[in-house]
Amino acid sequence: MKIFSGTSNRIFAELVAKHLNCPLSDVIVSKFADKEINLVINENVRKDDVFVIQPTGPSVNGSPNDNFM
């Protein structure tokens, strides 16, 4: 099982991962100069169950697509 944290609530993702006794997976989230999101997953996720913990409520700082990154 792989658990990834989005950008909005890493603390909550860490608590969920701890509760499931599974470390957060390695991901790097950054922004390009034009403010688009760059997401790099540093692990193989093939044939694994993958969960992304990210709130989907309105974003104060970004576009609606940013909510899913």
Protein backbone atom coordinates (compact mmCIF):
# COMPACT_ATOMS: atom_id res chain seq x y z
CA MET A 1 0.00 0.00 0.00
CA LYS A 2 1.26 3.47 -0.88
CA ILE A 3 0.00 6.62 0.83
CA PHE A 4 0.76 10.02 -0.63
CA SER A 5 0.13 13.41 0.89
CA GLY A 6 -1.08 16.31 -1.18
CA THR A 7 -0.08 19.87 -0.41
CA SER A 8 -2.98 20.96 1.79
CA ASN A 9 -2.77 18.89 4.97
CA ARG A 10 0.41 16.87 5.41
CA ILE A 11 -0.12 16.55 9.18
CA PHE A 12 -3.43 14.76 8.64
CA ALA A 13 -1.81 12.47 6.05
CA GLU A 14 0.96 11.64 8.53
CA LEU A 15 -1.62 10.75 11.18
CA VAL A 16 -3.50 8.49 8.78
CA ALA A 17 -0.28 6.77 7.70
CA LYS A 18 0.74 6.26 11.33
CA HIS A 19 -2.68 4.81 12.17
CA LEU A 20 -2.34 2.37 9.24
CA ASN A 21 1.26 1.56 10.23
CA CYS A 22 2.44 2.53 6.75
CA PRO A 23 4.94 5.32 6.01
CA LEU A 24 4.06 8.16 3.68
CA SER A 25 5.42 7.51 0.22
CA ASP A 26 8.16 9.62 -1.29
CA VAL A 27 6.83 12.44 -3.48
CA ILE A 28 8.18 15.86 -4.41
CA VAL A 29 5.66 18.60 -5.13
CA SER A 30 6.88 21.91 -6.50
CA LYS A 31 5.72 24.63 -8.86
CA PHE A 32 7.06 25.64 -12.23
CA ALA A 33 7.73 29.33 -12.95
CA ASP A 34 4.28 29.61 -14.56
CA LYS A 35 2.68 28.34 -11.29
CA GLU A 36 1.75 24.93 -12.70
CA ILE A 37 2.35 22.04 -10.31
CA ASN A 38 5.23 19.60 -10.80
CA LEU A 39 4.67 16.26 -9.11
CA VAL A 40 7.42 13.62 -8.97
CA ILE A 41 6.65 10.22 -7.46
CA ASN A 42 9.92 8.66 -6.34
CA GLU A 43 8.59 5.15 -5.85
CA ASN A 44 7.26 2.37 -8.00
CA VAL A 45 3.48 2.18 -7.54
CA ARG A 46 2.81 -0.57 -10.06
CA LYS A 47 0.49 -3.26 -8.68
CA ASP A 48 0.14 -1.41 -5.34
CA ASP A 49 -2.94 0.06 -3.74
CA VAL A 50 -2.37 3.82 -3.87
CA PHE A 51 -4.13 6.44 -1.74
CA VAL A 52 -3.77 10.20 -2.00
CA ILE A 53 -4.81 12.17 1.07
CA GLN A 54 -5.84 15.63 -0.05
CA PRO A 55 -8.81 17.83 0.91
CA THR A 56 -10.98 18.82 -2.03
CA GLY A 57 -12.59 21.93 -0.58
CA PRO A 58 -12.20 25.36 -2.14
CA SER A 59 -8.60 26.46 -2.38
CA VAL A 60 -7.64 29.85 -1.02
CA ASN A 61 -4.23 29.94 -2.68
CA GLY A 62 -4.66 28.10 -5.96
CA SER A 63 -6.89 26.89 -8.74
CA PRO A 64 -9.39 24.02 -8.34
CA ASN A 65 -6.91 21.71 -10.09
CA ASP A 66 -4.36 22.50 -7.37
CA ASN A 67 -6.68 20.85 -4.86
CA PHE A 68 -5.90 17.48 -6.41
CA MET A 69 -2.12 17.90 -6.40
